[in-house]
Each structure stands twice: as C-alpha cells, then as structure tokens.
Amino acid sequence: MQRVLTIIVVAVTLASGAFPQAQKQAPAQRPATTSVEYYYTIKWGLQDEFLRLFKKNHWPVLQEQIKTGRIVSVTLASPEFHMPENARWDYRVTIVFSRDALARPFDEDALKKKLFPDQATFTREEQRRFEILLAHWDLPLKDVPLEQAPKP
C-alpha cells in the first residue's frame, strides 16, 4: 500500500509540473526587439566635429524612425576613461529596432531627401563625418537566455 501511495504521489507531482525537466519546453519566441551597436573611432582631436555632424545629419533620421516605430530607442555613449589605442573607440550608438524592422524594406534615402532638401550640403557633411573616422563597425547583438545556458 505504501508503494502504491508513493507511485501516485510521484505521478501527480510530475503531472502538475513541479519538476521542470518533465515538462515540454515552449518553443523559443522571437525577441520583441533587435539591438545593434555601432562603434566609431575618430581621428584624434576631431571627436567634437564628428559629434556635431552626427547630431546635425544623422540624429534627425533616427528620430523620424523612432516616430514611426521602426526604432524603439537610440542611445549614445562614450568611454569615461582612456583605453589602449588598439581597442579604442570614441562613440557607441546603440539602436534598438522593433521586431520586424530589419526584415522590412525601408527607404532611408527618401527620408534623408525629405529631411534635408539641400542634398549637396548634407552629402558633403556626411562624407566629412566618415572621412574623420579611423574605424567603424556594427555589432548586431543576440540575446542568450540564461535559463537555457549550460550549467557550469
């Protein structure tokens, strides 16, 4: 009788989901957002010029995309302390895109023409913004769920 009672208790416990390994895991859902970090290393002494041009010409383009919901947020950061030259970057822009923003077509050129009717000046200033760079790279981020990470 004791053995039958133990089997019933174990069966009820497993059926109730008290042991997660006995449950089927839900399929992974697509994340609600996608984050991309953009790093910029600028020639020494030209960081302020880069930032001025970024705010003048690129920030409005990003703001318009925030208004439409394509972009969820934009943050700009710079290191508080110095780094070794081979690892140095001056600005990091982190853009959080909405779920399907990168999969859907988007005409950024049309938006730039709408925002900046003087395309000659816009083009010249954007060219200058990239001329003063030493390096630029984009780093799309992938979430790694800690619940599914291997145990040490």
N, C-alpha and C. Protein backbone atom coordinates (compact mmCIF):
# COMPACT_ATOMS: atom_id res chain seq x y z
N MET A 1 0.82 -1.19 0.00
CA MET A 1 0.00 0.00 0.00
C MET A 1 0.87 1.27 0.00
N GLN A 2 1.96 1.24 0.80
CA GLN A 2 2.89 2.38 0.87
C GLN A 2 3.49 2.64 -0.52
N ARG A 3 3.83 1.56 -1.22
CA ARG A 3 4.44 1.69 -2.54
C ARG A 3 3.46 2.29 -3.54
N VAL A 4 2.21 1.89 -3.53
CA VAL A 4 1.18 2.42 -4.42
C VAL A 4 0.98 3.91 -4.14
N LEU A 5 0.94 4.27 -2.86
CA LEU A 5 0.77 5.68 -2.48
C LEU A 5 1.95 6.52 -2.98
N THR A 6 3.18 6.00 -2.88
CA THR A 6 4.37 6.71 -3.36
C THR A 6 4.28 6.91 -4.87
N ILE A 7 3.86 5.88 -5.61
CA ILE A 7 3.74 5.98 -7.06
C ILE A 7 2.70 7.04 -7.43
N ILE A 8 1.59 7.07 -6.74
CA ILE A 8 0.54 8.06 -7.01
C ILE A 8 1.06 9.47 -6.74
N VAL A 9 1.78 9.68 -5.64
CA VAL A 9 2.33 10.99 -5.31
C VAL A 9 3.33 11.44 -6.38
N VAL A 10 4.20 10.55 -6.82
CA VAL A 10 5.18 10.89 -7.87
C VAL A 10 4.46 11.22 -9.17
N ALA A 11 3.46 10.44 -9.54
CA ALA A 11 2.72 10.68 -10.78
C ALA A 11 2.01 12.03 -10.74
N VAL A 12 1.36 12.34 -9.63
CA VAL A 12 0.67 13.62 -9.50
C VAL A 12 1.66 14.77 -9.55
N THR A 13 2.80 14.60 -8.89
CA THR A 13 3.83 15.64 -8.88
C THR A 13 4.35 15.89 -10.29
N LEU A 14 4.63 14.85 -11.03
CA LEU A 14 5.11 15.02 -12.41
C LEU A 14 4.04 15.66 -13.29
N ALA A 15 2.82 15.26 -13.15
CA ALA A 15 1.74 15.81 -13.96
C ALA A 15 1.49 17.27 -13.64
N SER A 16 1.74 17.67 -12.40
CA SER A 16 1.49 19.06 -12.02
C SER A 16 2.58 20.00 -12.48
N GLY A 17 3.72 19.45 -12.93
CA GLY A 17 4.80 20.30 -13.42
C GLY A 17 5.75 20.76 -12.34
N ALA A 18 5.76 20.12 -11.22
CA ALA A 18 6.66 20.51 -10.14
C ALA A 18 8.12 20.30 -10.53
N PHE A 19 8.36 19.36 -11.43
CA PHE A 19 9.71 19.14 -11.92
C PHE A 19 9.81 19.67 -13.35
N PRO A 20 10.50 20.78 -13.56
CA PRO A 20 10.55 21.39 -14.89
C PRO A 20 11.09 20.46 -15.97
N GLN A 21 12.02 19.58 -15.64
CA GLN A 21 12.58 18.73 -16.68
C GLN A 21 11.55 17.76 -17.24
N ALA A 22 10.47 17.55 -16.52
CA ALA A 22 9.42 16.65 -17.01
C ALA A 22 8.47 17.37 -17.96
N GLN A 23 8.52 18.70 -17.97
CA GLN A 23 7.63 19.47 -18.84
C GLN A 23 8.27 19.64 -20.20
N LYS A 24 7.43 19.77 -21.20
CA LYS A 24 7.93 20.13 -22.52
C LYS A 24 8.21 21.63 -22.52
N GLN A 25 9.35 22.02 -23.07
CA GLN A 25 9.70 23.43 -23.11
C GLN A 25 8.96 24.10 -24.26
N ALA A 26 8.49 25.30 -23.99
CA ALA A 26 7.81 26.07 -25.03
C ALA A 26 8.82 26.43 -26.12
N PRO A 27 8.38 26.46 -27.37
CA PRO A 27 9.31 26.84 -28.43
C PRO A 27 9.79 28.27 -28.22
N ALA A 28 11.02 28.51 -28.62
CA ALA A 28 11.60 29.85 -28.46
C ALA A 28 10.80 30.86 -29.27
N GLN A 29 10.49 31.97 -28.65
CA GLN A 29 9.76 33.02 -29.35
C GLN A 29 10.76 34.05 -29.86
N ARG A 30 10.39 34.69 -30.95
CA ARG A 30 11.24 35.74 -31.49
C ARG A 30 11.27 36.90 -30.52
N PRO A 31 12.44 37.47 -30.33
CA PRO A 31 12.50 38.62 -29.43
C PRO A 31 11.70 39.79 -29.98
N ALA A 32 11.21 40.63 -29.08
CA ALA A 32 10.40 41.78 -29.48
C ALA A 32 11.24 42.85 -30.16
N THR A 33 12.54 42.83 -29.90
CA THR A 33 13.41 43.85 -30.47
C THR A 33 14.73 43.23 -30.90
N THR A 34 15.46 43.99 -31.71
CA THR A 34 16.81 43.64 -32.13
C THR A 34 17.70 44.82 -31.84
N SER A 35 18.81 44.58 -31.16
CA SER A 35 19.74 45.66 -30.84
C SER A 35 20.98 45.56 -31.70
N VAL A 36 21.47 46.73 -32.14
CA VAL A 36 22.70 46.80 -32.91
C VAL A 36 23.54 47.92 -32.30
N GLU A 37 24.81 47.62 -32.05
CA GLU A 37 25.73 48.63 -31.56
C GLU A 37 26.62 49.06 -32.72
N TYR A 38 26.79 50.38 -32.85
CA TYR A 38 27.61 50.97 -33.90
C TYR A 38 28.77 51.68 -33.20
N TYR A 39 29.99 51.25 -33.49
CA TYR A 39 31.18 51.83 -32.85
C TYR A 39 31.92 52.73 -33.83
N TYR A 40 32.42 53.85 -33.31
CA TYR A 40 33.14 54.83 -34.12
C TYR A 40 34.45 55.18 -33.42
N THR A 41 35.56 55.04 -34.13
CA THR A 41 36.85 55.51 -33.67
C THR A 41 37.23 56.67 -34.57
N ILE A 42 37.48 57.82 -33.95
CA ILE A 42 37.67 59.06 -34.69
C ILE A 42 39.11 59.52 -34.58
N LYS A 43 39.61 60.17 -35.62
CA LYS A 43 40.96 60.73 -35.57
C LYS A 43 41.06 61.67 -34.38
N TRP A 44 42.22 61.60 -33.71
CA TRP A 44 42.43 62.41 -32.51
C TRP A 44 42.13 63.88 -32.77
N GLY A 45 41.40 64.49 -31.84
CA GLY A 45 41.10 65.91 -31.90
C GLY A 45 39.85 66.26 -32.71
N LEU A 46 39.25 65.27 -33.38
CA LEU A 46 38.10 65.55 -34.23
C LEU A 46 36.80 64.96 -33.68
N GLN A 47 36.82 64.50 -32.43
CA GLN A 47 35.64 63.89 -31.83
C GLN A 47 34.46 64.86 -31.77
N ASP A 48 34.73 66.13 -31.41
CA ASP A 48 33.64 67.12 -31.33
C ASP A 48 33.03 67.40 -32.70
N GLU A 49 33.86 67.45 -33.73
CA GLU A 49 33.34 67.67 -35.08
C GLU A 49 32.46 66.50 -35.51
N PHE A 50 32.91 65.28 -35.24
CA PHE A 50 32.11 64.11 -35.57
C PHE A 50 30.75 64.18 -34.87
N LEU A 51 30.77 64.48 -33.57
CA LEU A 51 29.53 64.52 -32.80
C LEU A 51 28.60 65.61 -33.32
N ARG A 52 29.15 66.76 -33.67
CA ARG A 52 28.34 67.86 -34.21
C ARG A 52 27.66 67.42 -35.52
N LEU A 53 28.41 66.78 -36.41
CA LEU A 53 27.85 66.33 -37.68
C LEU A 53 26.85 65.19 -37.47
N PHE A 54 27.13 64.30 -36.54
CA PHE A 54 26.20 63.21 -36.23
C PHE A 54 24.86 63.78 -35.77
N LYS A 55 24.92 64.72 -34.82
CA LYS A 55 23.69 65.31 -34.29
C LYS A 55 22.93 66.10 -35.36
N LYS A 56 23.66 66.75 -36.24
CA LYS A 56 23.02 67.58 -37.26
C LYS A 56 22.37 66.74 -38.36
N ASN A 57 23.06 65.71 -38.82
CA ASN A 57 22.61 64.99 -40.01
C ASN A 57 22.07 63.59 -39.79
N HIS A 58 22.55 62.89 -38.78
CA HIS A 58 22.09 61.51 -38.63
C HIS A 58 21.04 61.38 -37.53
N TRP A 59 21.16 62.15 -36.48
CA TRP A 59 20.19 62.08 -35.39
C TRP A 59 18.77 62.36 -35.87
N PRO A 60 18.52 63.37 -36.72
CA PRO A 60 17.14 63.57 -37.21
C PRO A 60 16.59 62.37 -37.98
N VAL A 61 17.43 61.67 -38.71
CA VAL A 61 16.99 60.48 -39.44
C VAL A 61 16.56 59.40 -38.45
N LEU A 62 17.33 59.24 -37.38
CA LEU A 62 16.98 58.25 -36.35
C LEU A 62 15.71 58.65 -35.61
N GLN A 63 15.56 59.94 -35.32
CA GLN A 63 14.36 60.42 -34.63
C GLN A 63 13.10 60.16 -35.43
N GLU A 64 13.15 60.35 -36.73
CA GLU A 64 11.99 60.07 -37.59
C GLU A 64 11.62 58.59 -37.53
N GLN A 65 12.63 57.73 -37.46
CA GLN A 65 12.35 56.29 -37.39
C GLN A 65 11.79 55.91 -36.02
N ILE A 66 12.14 56.64 -34.99
CA ILE A 66 11.53 56.43 -33.67
C ILE A 66 10.06 56.80 -33.73
N LYS A 67 9.75 57.93 -34.39
CA LYS A 67 8.35 58.37 -34.51
C LYS A 67 7.49 57.33 -35.22
N THR A 68 8.06 56.65 -36.21
CA THR A 68 7.27 55.67 -36.97
C THR A 68 7.20 54.31 -36.28
N GLY A 69 8.00 54.11 -35.22
CA GLY A 69 8.00 52.85 -34.52
C GLY A 69 9.00 51.85 -35.06
N ARG A 70 9.71 52.20 -36.12
CA ARG A 70 10.73 51.30 -36.67
C ARG A 70 11.85 51.09 -35.66
N ILE A 71 12.21 52.19 -34.98
CA ILE A 71 13.24 52.14 -33.94
C ILE A 71 12.56 52.39 -32.60
N VAL A 72 12.94 51.59 -31.61
CA VAL A 72 12.39 51.72 -30.26
C VAL A 72 13.17 52.76 -29.46
N SER A 73 14.51 52.71 -29.55
CA SER A 73 15.33 53.66 -28.81
C SER A 73 16.72 53.78 -29.42
N VAL A 74 17.37 54.91 -29.11
CA VAL A 74 18.74 55.17 -29.54
C VAL A 74 19.48 55.75 -28.34
N THR A 75 20.64 55.20 -28.06
CA THR A 75 21.49 55.76 -27.01
C THR A 75 22.89 55.98 -27.57
N LEU A 76 23.54 57.01 -27.05
CA LEU A 76 24.90 57.36 -27.45
C LEU A 76 25.76 57.30 -26.20
N ALA A 77 26.91 56.64 -26.29
CA ALA A 77 27.80 56.53 -25.15
C ALA A 77 29.23 56.75 -25.60
N SER A 78 30.05 57.18 -24.67
CA SER A 78 31.49 57.28 -24.91
C SER A 78 32.19 56.77 -23.66
N PRO A 79 33.40 56.23 -23.80
CA PRO A 79 34.11 55.73 -22.63
C PRO A 79 34.45 56.87 -21.68
N GLU A 80 34.34 56.60 -20.40
CA GLU A 80 34.67 57.63 -19.42
C GLU A 80 36.17 57.76 -19.24
N PHE A 81 36.90 56.67 -19.42
CA PHE A 81 38.35 56.67 -19.27
C PHE A 81 39.00 56.24 -20.57
N HIS A 82 40.31 56.39 -20.65
CA HIS A 82 41.02 56.03 -21.88
C HIS A 82 41.21 54.53 -21.98
N MET A 83 41.47 54.09 -23.20
CA MET A 83 41.68 52.67 -23.48
C MET A 83 42.97 52.54 -24.28
N PRO A 84 43.52 51.34 -24.41
CA PRO A 84 44.67 51.16 -25.29
C PRO A 84 44.28 51.51 -26.72
N GLU A 85 45.19 52.04 -27.48
CA GLU A 85 44.89 52.51 -28.83
C GLU A 85 44.28 51.42 -29.71
N ASN A 86 44.77 50.20 -29.58
CA ASN A 86 44.25 49.13 -30.46
C ASN A 86 42.83 48.70 -30.09
N ALA A 87 42.33 49.12 -28.93
CA ALA A 87 40.95 48.78 -28.53
C ALA A 87 40.08 50.03 -28.43
N ARG A 88 40.63 51.17 -28.75
CA ARG A 88 39.94 52.44 -28.53
C ARG A 88 38.76 52.63 -29.47
N TRP A 89 37.67 53.13 -28.91
CA TRP A 89 36.54 53.64 -29.68
C TRP A 89 36.07 54.90 -28.96
N ASP A 90 35.50 55.83 -29.71
CA ASP A 90 35.11 57.12 -29.14
C ASP A 90 33.62 57.21 -28.85
N TYR A 91 32.81 56.66 -29.73
CA TYR A 91 31.36 56.71 -29.54
C TYR A 91 30.75 55.36 -29.87
N ARG A 92 29.73 54.99 -29.08
CA ARG A 92 28.95 53.79 -29.37
C ARG A 92 27.49 54.23 -29.43
N VAL A 93 26.87 53.97 -30.55
CA VAL A 93 25.44 54.24 -30.72
C VAL A 93 24.73 52.90 -30.67
N THR A 94 23.80 52.76 -29.74
CA THR A 94 23.03 51.52 -29.64
C THR A 94 21.61 51.82 -30.11
N ILE A 95 21.21 51.10 -31.14
CA ILE A 95 19.87 51.26 -31.69
C ILE A 95 19.08 49.98 -31.42
N VAL A 96 17.92 50.15 -30.83
CA VAL A 96 17.02 49.03 -30.59
C VAL A 96 15.91 49.14 -31.63
N PHE A 97 15.89 48.18 -32.54
CA PHE A 97 14.90 48.15 -33.61
C PHE A 97 13.68 47.35 -33.16
N SER A 98 12.53 47.69 -33.70
CA SER A 98 11.32 46.90 -33.42
C SER A 98 11.48 45.51 -34.03
N ARG A 99 10.61 44.62 -33.66
CA ARG A 99 10.72 43.20 -34.01
C ARG A 99 11.06 42.94 -35.47
N ASP A 100 10.32 43.51 -36.38
CA ASP A 100 10.50 43.18 -37.80
C ASP A 100 11.16 44.29 -38.61
N ALA A 101 11.69 45.30 -37.95
CA ALA A 101 12.22 46.47 -38.66
C ALA A 101 13.31 46.11 -39.66
N LEU A 102 14.20 45.22 -39.31
CA LEU A 102 15.31 44.90 -40.19
C LEU A 102 14.90 43.98 -41.33
N ALA A 103 13.78 43.32 -41.19
CA ALA A 103 13.30 42.42 -42.24
C ALA A 103 12.47 43.15 -43.30
N ARG A 104 11.88 44.28 -42.90
CA ARG A 104 11.03 45.03 -43.83
C ARG A 104 11.86 46.02 -44.63
N PRO A 105 11.52 46.25 -45.87
CA PRO A 105 12.24 47.25 -46.66
C PRO A 105 12.02 48.65 -46.07
N PHE A 106 13.06 49.46 -46.13
CA PHE A 106 12.98 50.82 -45.62
C PHE A 106 13.81 51.71 -46.53
N ASP A 107 13.21 52.78 -47.01
CA ASP A 107 13.88 53.69 -47.94
C ASP A 107 14.49 54.87 -47.16
N GLU A 108 15.68 54.65 -46.62
CA GLU A 108 16.35 55.70 -45.84
C GLU A 108 16.73 56.89 -46.72
N ASP A 109 17.07 56.65 -47.98
CA ASP A 109 17.42 57.75 -48.88
C ASP A 109 16.25 58.71 -49.07
N ALA A 110 15.05 58.18 -49.21
CA ALA A 110 13.87 59.05 -49.36
C ALA A 110 13.67 59.89 -48.10
N LEU A 111 13.87 59.30 -46.95
CA LEU A 111 13.74 60.04 -45.69
C LEU A 111 14.79 61.15 -45.61
N LYS A 112 16.02 60.86 -46.01
CA LYS A 112 17.08 61.87 -45.98
C LYS A 112 16.77 63.01 -46.94
N LYS A 113 16.22 62.72 -48.10
CA LYS A 113 15.85 63.78 -49.05
C LYS A 113 14.73 64.65 -48.51
N LYS A 114 13.81 64.02 -47.79
CA LYS A 114 12.70 64.77 -47.19
C LYS A 114 13.21 65.69 -46.07
N LEU A 115 14.09 65.16 -45.22
CA LEU A 115 14.60 65.93 -44.08
C LEU A 115 15.62 66.99 -44.46
N PHE A 116 16.38 66.72 -45.52
CA PHE A 116 17.48 67.61 -45.91
C PHE A 116 17.35 67.99 -47.38
N PRO A 117 16.55 69.02 -47.67
CA PRO A 117 16.36 69.44 -49.07
C PRO A 117 17.68 69.86 -49.75
N ASP A 118 18.60 70.42 -48.97
CA ASP A 118 19.91 70.79 -49.53
C ASP A 118 20.80 69.55 -49.51
N GLN A 119 20.60 68.70 -50.49
CA GLN A 119 21.31 67.43 -50.54
C GLN A 119 22.81 67.60 -50.75
N ALA A 120 23.23 68.65 -51.42
CA ALA A 120 24.66 68.87 -51.64
C ALA A 120 25.37 69.08 -50.30
N THR A 121 24.80 69.93 -49.45
CA THR A 121 25.40 70.17 -48.13
C THR A 121 25.34 68.91 -47.28
N PHE A 122 24.20 68.26 -47.27
CA PHE A 122 24.03 67.03 -46.50
C PHE A 122 25.08 65.99 -46.91
N THR A 123 25.21 65.77 -48.20
CA THR A 123 26.16 64.77 -48.71
C THR A 123 27.59 65.14 -48.34
N ARG A 124 27.95 66.41 -48.48
CA ARG A 124 29.29 66.87 -48.14
C ARG A 124 29.58 66.66 -46.64
N GLU A 125 28.63 67.01 -45.80
CA GLU A 125 28.84 66.87 -44.36
C GLU A 125 28.89 65.41 -43.92
N GLU A 126 28.06 64.58 -44.52
CA GLU A 126 28.11 63.15 -44.19
C GLU A 126 29.43 62.54 -44.67
N GLN A 127 29.91 62.98 -45.82
CA GLN A 127 31.20 62.49 -46.30
C GLN A 127 32.30 62.89 -45.32
N ARG A 128 32.24 64.12 -44.83
CA ARG A 128 33.23 64.59 -43.85
C ARG A 128 33.14 63.77 -42.56
N ARG A 129 31.92 63.47 -42.12
CA ARG A 129 31.75 62.69 -40.89
C ARG A 129 32.46 61.34 -41.01
N PHE A 130 32.44 60.74 -42.19
CA PHE A 130 33.11 59.45 -42.36
C PHE A 130 34.58 59.60 -42.72
N GLU A 131 34.98 60.74 -43.26
CA GLU A 131 36.41 60.98 -43.54
C GLU A 131 37.23 61.04 -42.27
N ILE A 132 36.66 61.55 -41.21
CA ILE A 132 37.42 61.73 -39.97
C ILE A 132 37.42 60.48 -39.09
N LEU A 133 36.86 59.41 -39.59
CA LEU A 133 36.87 58.14 -38.85
C LEU A 133 38.16 57.38 -39.11
N LEU A 134 38.64 56.72 -38.07
CA LEU A 134 39.72 55.75 -38.24
C LEU A 134 39.14 54.36 -38.41
N ALA A 135 38.00 54.11 -37.73
CA ALA A 135 37.37 52.80 -37.81
C ALA A 135 35.89 52.94 -37.48
N HIS A 136 35.11 52.03 -38.02
CA HIS A 136 33.68 51.99 -37.75
C HIS A 136 33.24 50.55 -37.92
N TRP A 137 32.49 50.04 -36.95
CA TRP A 137 31.96 48.69 -37.10
C TRP A 137 30.59 48.60 -36.45
N ASP A 138 29.81 47.65 -36.97
CA ASP A 138 28.45 47.42 -36.48
C ASP A 138 28.43 46.05 -35.83
N LEU A 139 27.74 45.97 -34.70
CA LEU A 139 27.70 44.73 -33.96
C LEU A 139 26.26 44.38 -33.58
N PRO A 140 25.58 43.58 -34.43
CA PRO A 140 24.24 43.12 -34.05
C PRO A 140 24.36 42.20 -32.83
N LEU A 141 23.46 42.37 -31.89
CA LEU A 141 23.50 41.58 -30.66
C LEU A 141 22.44 40.49 -30.69
N LYS A 142 22.77 39.38 -30.07
CA LYS A 142 21.86 38.24 -29.98
C LYS A 142 21.67 37.94 -28.50
N ASP A 143 20.42 37.90 -28.05
CA ASP A 143 20.15 37.55 -26.67
C ASP A 143 20.47 36.08 -26.43
N VAL A 144 21.08 35.82 -25.29
CA VAL A 144 21.37 34.45 -24.88
C VAL A 144 20.59 34.24 -23.57
N PRO A 145 19.50 33.48 -23.64
CA PRO A 145 18.69 33.26 -22.44
C PRO A 145 19.49 32.51 -21.38
N LEU A 146 19.54 33.05 -20.20
CA LEU A 146 20.28 32.41 -19.13
C LEU A 146 19.61 31.12 -18.66
N GLU A 147 18.30 31.03 -18.81
CA GLU A 147 17.60 29.82 -18.40
C GLU A 147 18.04 28.62 -19.21
N GLN A 148 18.48 28.85 -20.45
CA GLN A 148 18.84 27.75 -21.33
C GLN A 148 20.36 27.57 -21.44
N ALA A 149 21.10 28.41 -20.71
CA ALA A 149 22.56 28.31 -20.77
C ALA A 149 23.03 27.05 -20.06
N PRO A 150 24.10 26.44 -20.56
CA PRO A 150 24.60 25.23 -19.89
C PRO A 150 25.08 25.57 -18.49
N LYS A 151 24.89 24.64 -17.58
CA LYS A 151 25.34 24.84 -16.19
C LYS A 151 26.84 24.60 -16.13
N PRO A 152 27.53 25.38 -15.27
CA PRO A 152 28.99 25.20 -15.15
C PRO A 152 29.36 23.87 -14.54
